Amino acid sequence: MGQQPPVGDPQAGYGQPPAGYQQGGQYHPHGPQPSLDDVPLRRAKKSPSGGWRKAVHHVSGGAINPGLSAEELRLQELVARIRQPVRGDYRIAVLSLKGGVGKTTTTMGLGSIFASIRGDRVIAVDANPDFGTLSQRVPLQTRSTVRDLLLDPAIQRYSDVRRHTSQGTSRLEVLASERDPAASEAFNDEEYRAVARILQRFYNIILTDCGTGLMHSAMGGVLDLAHSLVLISSAAIDGARSAAATLDWLSLHGHDHLVRNAVVVINLPREGSPNVGIQQLREYFLSRCRAVHIIPYDSHLSEGAEIDLHRLHKTTKRAYVELAATVADEFGIDHRRYGV
């Protein structure tokens, strides 16, 4: 028998020689070497979470994986936006000139979505001078208020602040307003700024549930320190006019940057069709603000009691997730030019 060509010789019919070899079988150790980095990787499809896709995946024992639906992919994208990192702390003012349009409910809904989806600390502060009800929307774990936090001389770590807050099932914490109307009226601009200085050391997202007036004493500090504004309107014409008047006032008093970046929330207070054209309202507010979101009527929210995300109708919960994603789109911007 004749001499066999070396393994890897093209004449043997085995294709190209391995790295480091040339024709004739001579090995060159300094030639290009194979690497695991060159091996292509196949990423497994994520399993579907519901519908016929999940059923097929389950019945086939995982052998057939239709992948995620368009709706599931959209939800993943929303969650990714909500979870994006925050530079320092991010402060959101939730306000309305008119009472009864869902301002406190929106504060709780938005804050609860952030707290349940993100892994960091989220707190809502009640800055309402007229006996705010924010603390009634979570299980009461303490009788402390903003005043008690300010009077505490030993705030050194997160656990010291946590003694003054109550926490809902979503992990959202709430700092209550004064229960004595006379004392709460005295909660002024400088005191709000002092509370903000404390909270920004321990929380990544700070929501403030404002009073219905723009002239009460703490409002100057709230607006000066806010990175973004969520303005609440009802679908009724008087609620929409109040929201428009709020935008006018803010623009005239040095807060036009908040108006341009504001997110308007139109709450539907009852089942059925609203008595004004939602599309016309949306177009009006979009001409002045960054975004508009519609929150549908929900029987659980209408109770005015503790809010449990698991009890929300799926369309309501989805509306709050979309609202949170829109607000979170500003998280990546460096807002540290706003001092406390």
Protein backbone atom coordinates (compact mmCIF):
# COMPACT_ATOMS: atom_id res chain seq x y z
CA MET A 1 0.00 0.00 0.00
CA GLY A 2 1.15 3.47 -0.73
CA GLN A 3 1.73 6.06 1.93
CA GLN A 4 -1.57 7.53 3.19
CA PRO A 5 -1.91 11.27 3.11
CA PRO A 6 -2.02 12.82 6.59
CA VAL A 7 -5.35 13.48 8.21
CA GLY A 8 -6.56 16.85 7.05
CA ASP A 9 -4.85 16.68 3.66
CA PRO A 10 -7.36 17.92 1.08
CA GLN A 11 -6.34 14.94 -1.15
CA ALA A 12 -7.86 12.59 1.43
CA GLY A 13 -11.27 14.06 0.76
CA TYR A 14 -11.74 15.36 4.33
CA GLY A 15 -12.09 19.02 3.42
CA GLN A 16 -9.76 21.80 4.53
CA PRO A 17 -6.81 20.96 6.81
CA PRO A 18 -7.08 21.98 10.45
CA ALA A 19 -5.59 25.25 11.66
CA GLY A 20 -1.80 25.20 11.75
CA TYR A 21 -1.39 22.69 8.89
CA GLN A 22 -0.38 23.27 5.30
CA GLN A 23 -0.40 20.86 2.35
CA GLY A 24 2.04 18.02 2.92
CA GLY A 25 1.11 17.75 6.56
CA GLN A 26 3.63 20.22 7.92
CA TYR A 27 2.44 21.73 11.20
CA HIS A 28 2.95 25.41 11.91
CA PRO A 29 2.29 26.11 15.60
CA HIS A 30 2.10 29.83 15.01
CA GLY A 31 -0.70 29.55 12.48
CA PRO A 32 -4.30 30.53 13.34
CA GLN A 33 -5.69 28.40 16.17
CA PRO A 34 -9.34 27.37 16.68
CA SER A 35 -11.30 29.14 19.44
CA LEU A 36 -14.55 28.47 21.26
CA ASP A 37 -15.41 32.12 20.60
CA ASP A 38 -15.85 31.17 16.95
CA VAL A 39 -18.55 28.60 17.70
CA PRO A 40 -22.00 30.07 16.86
CA LEU A 41 -24.47 29.95 19.74
CA ARG A 42 -28.19 29.25 19.39
CA ARG A 43 -30.39 31.07 21.88
CA ALA A 44 -33.38 29.09 23.09
CA LYS A 45 -36.80 30.57 22.53
CA LYS A 46 -38.56 31.73 25.67
CA SER A 47 -41.53 29.62 26.63
CA PRO A 48 -44.96 31.18 26.04
CA SER A 49 -46.84 32.19 29.18
CA GLY A 50 -50.42 31.73 28.04
CA GLY A 51 -52.97 30.94 25.35
CA TRP A 52 -52.70 28.25 22.70
CA ARG A 53 -48.93 28.70 22.57
CA LYS A 54 -48.55 27.59 26.19
CA ALA A 55 -50.97 24.69 25.61
CA VAL A 56 -48.97 23.41 22.61
CA HIS A 57 -45.71 23.77 24.54
CA HIS A 58 -47.17 21.84 27.50
CA VAL A 59 -48.83 19.04 25.50
CA SER A 60 -45.67 18.46 23.44
CA GLY A 61 -43.58 18.20 26.61
CA GLY A 62 -41.59 21.21 25.50
CA ALA A 63 -40.69 19.68 22.14
CA ILE A 64 -42.73 22.31 20.28
CA ASN A 65 -42.11 25.88 21.35
CA PRO A 66 -44.09 28.45 19.32
CA GLY A 67 -42.25 31.24 21.12
CA LEU A 68 -43.71 34.41 22.58
CA SER A 69 -46.73 36.12 21.08
CA ALA A 70 -46.64 39.71 19.88
CA GLU A 71 -48.49 40.73 23.03
CA GLU A 72 -45.95 38.97 25.27
CA LEU A 73 -43.08 40.59 23.39
CA ARG A 74 -44.75 43.99 23.82
CA LEU A 75 -45.12 43.39 27.56
CA GLN A 76 -41.45 42.43 27.81
CA GLU A 77 -40.52 45.68 26.10
CA LEU A 78 -42.66 47.70 28.55
CA VAL A 79 -41.12 45.94 31.54
CA ALA A 80 -37.61 46.57 30.22
CA ARG A 81 -38.39 50.30 29.96
CA ILE A 82 -39.74 50.37 33.52
CA ARG A 83 -36.64 48.59 34.85
CA GLN A 84 -34.06 50.86 33.24
CA PRO A 85 -31.57 52.37 35.68
CA VAL A 86 -32.16 55.73 37.35
CA ARG A 87 -29.42 58.33 37.71
CA GLY A 88 -29.47 59.20 41.39
CA ASP A 89 -33.11 59.59 42.48
CA TYR A 90 -36.09 60.48 40.29
CA ARG A 91 -38.93 62.68 41.60
CA ILE A 92 -42.43 62.62 40.15
CA ALA A 93 -45.11 65.16 41.11
CA VAL A 94 -48.70 63.97 40.68
CA LEU A 95 -51.17 66.86 40.74
CA SER A 96 -54.57 68.19 39.80
CA LEU A 97 -56.40 71.44 40.47
CA LYS A 98 -59.69 69.60 40.82
CA GLY A 99 -60.44 67.06 43.52
CA GLY A 100 -62.13 63.74 42.90
CA VAL A 101 -60.44 63.00 39.58
CA GLY A 102 -58.24 60.14 40.81
CA LYS A 103 -54.99 61.90 41.77
CA THR A 104 -54.26 59.78 44.83
CA THR A 105 -55.42 56.63 43.05
CA THR A 106 -53.05 57.37 40.16
CA THR A 107 -50.17 58.00 42.57
CA MET A 108 -50.78 54.61 44.16
CA GLY A 109 -51.29 52.79 40.86
CA LEU A 110 -48.17 54.24 39.23
CA GLY A 111 -46.03 53.80 42.35
CA SER A 112 -47.25 50.24 42.84
CA ILE A 113 -46.27 49.27 39.29
CA PHE A 114 -42.79 50.73 39.76
CA ALA A 115 -42.33 49.02 43.14
CA SER A 116 -43.57 45.62 41.94
CA ILE A 117 -41.55 45.52 38.70
CA ARG A 118 -38.32 47.24 39.71
CA GLY A 119 -35.94 45.90 42.35
CA ASP A 120 -35.11 49.19 44.05
CA ARG A 121 -36.93 51.36 46.61
CA VAL A 122 -39.98 53.41 45.68
CA ILE A 123 -41.87 55.77 47.99
CA ALA A 124 -44.94 58.00 47.71
CA VAL A 125 -45.16 61.12 49.87
CA ASP A 126 -48.47 62.71 50.81
CA ALA A 127 -48.02 66.48 50.48
CA ASN A 128 -51.74 67.25 50.64
CA PRO A 129 -52.41 69.97 53.25
CA ASP A 130 -56.09 69.03 53.53
CA PHE A 131 -55.93 65.68 55.35
CA GLY A 132 -54.44 63.55 52.57
CA THR A 133 -55.70 60.00 52.17
CA LEU A 134 -52.64 58.37 50.58
CA SER A 135 -51.82 56.35 53.72
CA GLN A 136 -55.33 54.84 53.64
CA ARG A 137 -54.42 53.01 50.44
CA VAL A 138 -51.87 50.69 52.12
CA PRO A 139 -51.98 48.61 55.34
CA LEU A 140 -51.15 51.06 58.14
CA GLN A 141 -47.91 49.96 59.81
CA THR A 142 -47.07 53.17 61.66
CA ARG A 143 -48.73 56.33 62.91
CA SER A 144 -45.74 58.41 61.80
CA THR A 145 -46.10 61.32 59.37
CA VAL A 146 -43.83 63.66 57.46
CA ARG A 147 -43.58 65.68 60.65
CA ASP A 148 -42.29 62.72 62.65
CA LEU A 149 -39.67 62.00 60.01
CA LEU A 150 -38.44 65.58 60.19
CA LEU A 151 -38.31 65.52 63.99
CA ASP A 152 -36.36 62.25 64.12
CA PRO A 153 -32.77 63.18 65.08
CA ALA A 154 -31.31 59.74 64.31
CA ILE A 155 -31.85 59.18 60.58
CA GLN A 156 -28.67 57.40 59.56
CA ARG A 157 -29.77 54.42 57.47
CA TYR A 158 -32.71 53.07 55.51
CA SER A 159 -34.18 51.23 58.50
CA ASP A 160 -34.45 54.55 60.35
CA VAL A 161 -36.67 55.96 57.59
CA ARG A 162 -38.62 52.71 57.26
CA ARG A 163 -39.86 53.15 60.83
CA HIS A 164 -41.91 56.11 59.56
CA THR A 165 -43.45 54.50 56.45
CA SER A 166 -46.13 51.94 55.65
CA GLN A 167 -45.72 49.44 52.83
CA GLY A 168 -48.27 47.93 50.46
CA THR A 169 -48.31 44.46 48.96
CA SER A 170 -46.54 45.85 45.88
CA ARG A 171 -43.60 46.98 48.07
CA LEU A 172 -44.53 50.64 47.53
CA GLU A 173 -43.88 52.64 50.69
CA VAL A 174 -46.04 55.57 51.78
CA LEU A 175 -45.10 58.52 53.98
CA ALA A 176 -48.30 59.96 55.44
CA SER A 177 -49.27 63.61 55.72
CA GLU A 178 -50.24 65.26 58.99
CA ARG A 179 -53.63 64.20 60.30
CA ASP A 180 -54.19 67.51 62.05
CA PRO A 181 -55.33 70.00 59.36
CA ALA A 182 -53.82 72.91 61.27
CA ALA A 183 -50.42 71.22 61.47
CA SER A 184 -50.49 70.03 57.88
CA GLU A 185 -51.19 73.54 56.63
CA ALA A 186 -47.93 74.58 58.28
CA PHE A 187 -46.00 71.99 56.25
CA ASN A 188 -44.13 74.49 54.13
CA ASP A 189 -41.72 74.74 51.23
CA GLU A 190 -38.55 74.39 53.29
CA GLU A 191 -39.89 71.41 55.20
CA TYR A 192 -40.81 69.62 51.99
CA ARG A 193 -37.27 70.22 50.73
CA ALA A 194 -35.90 68.80 53.99
CA VAL A 195 -38.04 65.67 53.58
CA ALA A 196 -36.80 65.31 49.99
CA ARG A 197 -33.18 65.58 51.14
CA ILE A 198 -33.73 62.65 53.49
CA LEU A 199 -35.62 60.46 51.05
CA GLN A 200 -33.27 60.92 48.12
CA ARG A 201 -30.51 59.24 50.18
CA PHE A 202 -32.48 55.99 50.44
CA TYR A 203 -35.01 55.82 47.57
CA ASN A 204 -34.59 55.66 43.81
CA ILE A 205 -38.06 56.87 42.85
CA ILE A 206 -40.03 59.44 44.89
CA LEU A 207 -43.63 60.23 44.00
CA THR A 208 -45.41 63.18 45.60
CA ASP A 209 -49.19 63.23 45.88
CA CYS A 210 -49.82 66.98 45.79
CA GLY A 211 -52.77 68.92 47.15
CA THR A 212 -55.44 70.27 44.82
CA GLY A 213 -54.23 73.85 45.12
CA LEU A 214 -51.19 75.32 43.43
CA MET A 215 -50.64 78.01 46.04
CA HIS A 216 -50.32 76.01 49.26
CA SER A 217 -47.04 76.38 51.10
CA ALA A 218 -45.26 73.17 50.07
CA MET A 219 -46.10 73.42 46.37
CA GLY A 220 -43.15 75.64 45.48
CA GLY A 221 -40.70 73.02 46.71
CA VAL A 222 -42.60 70.19 45.02
CA LEU A 223 -42.47 71.86 41.60
CA ASP A 224 -38.90 73.09 41.93
CA LEU A 225 -37.61 69.62 42.77
CA ALA A 226 -39.76 67.54 40.41
CA HIS A 227 -38.08 65.87 37.47
CA SER A 228 -41.40 65.08 35.84
CA LEU A 229 -45.08 65.85 36.22
CA VAL A 230 -48.11 63.57 35.98
CA LEU A 231 -51.22 65.70 35.54
CA ILE A 232 -54.60 64.14 36.29
CA SER A 233 -57.83 64.94 34.45
CA SER A 234 -61.23 63.35 34.36
CA ALA A 235 -63.07 62.76 31.11
CA ALA A 236 -65.63 65.39 32.11
CA ILE A 237 -65.34 68.87 30.63
CA ASP A 238 -64.81 70.58 34.00
CA GLY A 239 -61.96 68.19 34.84
CA ALA A 240 -60.33 68.81 31.47
CA ARG A 241 -60.65 72.59 31.89
CA SER A 242 -59.02 72.39 35.33
CA ALA A 243 -56.14 70.37 33.90
CA ALA A 244 -55.70 72.91 31.08
CA ALA A 245 -55.73 75.77 33.61
CA THR A 246 -53.04 73.96 35.59
CA LEU A 247 -50.83 73.80 32.51
CA ASP A 248 -51.40 77.50 31.87
CA TRP A 249 -50.45 78.41 35.45
CA LEU A 250 -47.30 76.28 35.38
CA SER A 251 -46.13 77.80 32.08
CA LEU A 252 -46.68 81.33 33.43
CA HIS A 253 -44.77 80.62 36.64
CA GLY A 254 -41.47 79.29 35.34
CA HIS A 255 -42.31 75.60 34.98
CA ASP A 256 -42.75 75.33 31.22
CA HIS A 257 -40.16 72.51 31.13
CA LEU A 258 -42.50 70.44 33.34
CA VAL A 259 -45.42 71.19 31.03
CA ARG A 260 -43.56 70.08 27.90
CA ASN A 261 -42.49 66.80 29.52
CA ALA A 262 -45.73 66.22 31.44
CA VAL A 263 -47.70 62.99 31.13
CA VAL A 264 -51.46 63.56 31.27
CA VAL A 265 -53.66 60.84 32.75
CA ILE A 266 -57.37 60.86 31.90
CA ASN A 267 -59.26 58.74 34.42
CA LEU A 268 -62.61 57.30 33.41
CA PRO A 269 -64.63 57.54 36.66
CA ARG A 270 -67.51 55.27 35.68
CA GLU A 271 -68.40 52.45 33.35
CA GLY A 272 -69.68 53.28 29.89
CA SER A 273 -68.78 56.02 27.43
CA PRO A 274 -67.46 59.36 28.72
CA ASN A 275 -69.54 62.47 28.07
CA VAL A 276 -66.84 64.23 26.05
CA GLY A 277 -64.74 63.06 23.14
CA ILE A 278 -61.68 61.30 24.51
CA GLN A 279 -59.88 61.65 21.20
CA GLN A 280 -60.34 65.43 21.22
CA LEU A 281 -59.01 65.61 24.78
CA ARG A 282 -56.05 63.46 23.84
CA GLU A 283 -55.19 65.65 20.85
CA TYR A 284 -55.45 68.83 22.93
CA PHE A 285 -53.13 67.60 25.68
CA LEU A 286 -50.69 66.06 23.18
CA SER A 287 -50.31 69.52 21.62
CA ARG A 288 -48.90 70.74 24.92
CA CYS A 289 -47.45 67.70 26.73
CA ARG A 290 -45.28 64.65 26.09
CA ALA A 291 -47.88 61.90 26.36
CA VAL A 292 -51.49 61.09 27.28
CA HIS A 293 -52.74 57.87 28.90
CA ILE A 294 -56.31 56.73 29.48
CA ILE A 295 -57.00 54.72 32.65
CA PRO A 296 -60.28 52.79 32.37
CA TYR A 297 -62.85 52.54 35.13
CA ASP A 298 -62.06 49.78 37.61
CA SER A 299 -64.39 48.64 40.38
CA HIS A 300 -61.47 47.87 42.69
CA LEU A 301 -60.04 51.38 42.35
CA SER A 302 -63.48 52.91 42.89
CA GLU A 303 -63.57 51.43 46.41
CA GLY A 304 -61.13 54.12 47.58
CA ALA A 305 -59.46 51.62 49.92
CA GLU A 306 -56.18 49.70 49.87
CA ILE A 307 -54.97 48.98 46.34
CA ASP A 308 -54.02 45.43 45.41
CA LEU A 309 -52.59 45.04 41.90
CA HIS A 310 -53.84 41.45 41.75
CA ARG A 311 -57.43 42.69 42.03
CA LEU A 312 -57.20 45.09 39.10
CA HIS A 313 -58.83 44.17 35.82
CA LYS A 314 -56.16 43.15 33.32
CA THR A 315 -56.90 46.14 31.07
CA THR A 316 -56.49 48.54 34.00
CA LYS A 317 -53.24 46.95 35.09
CA ARG A 318 -51.95 47.05 31.52
CA ALA A 319 -52.86 50.76 31.30
CA TYR A 320 -50.79 51.45 34.43
CA VAL A 321 -47.85 49.44 33.05
CA GLU A 322 -47.93 51.53 29.87
CA LEU A 323 -48.13 54.73 31.95
CA ALA A 324 -45.14 53.63 34.05
CA ALA A 325 -43.12 52.81 30.92
CA THR A 326 -43.80 56.27 29.49
CA VAL A 327 -42.72 57.99 32.72
CA ALA A 328 -39.64 55.74 32.89
CA ASP A 329 -38.50 56.82 29.44
CA GLU A 330 -37.03 59.88 31.17
CA PHE A 331 -35.02 57.84 33.72
CA GLY A 332 -31.91 57.74 31.56
CA ILE A 333 -31.62 61.51 31.40
CA ASP A 334 -29.16 63.13 33.80
CA HIS A 335 -31.41 65.26 36.01
CA ARG A 336 -28.76 66.10 38.59
CA ARG A 337 -28.90 69.75 37.57
CA TYR A 338 -32.02 69.89 39.76
CA GLY A 339 -30.72 70.50 43.26
CA VAL A 340 -32.34 69.67 46.57
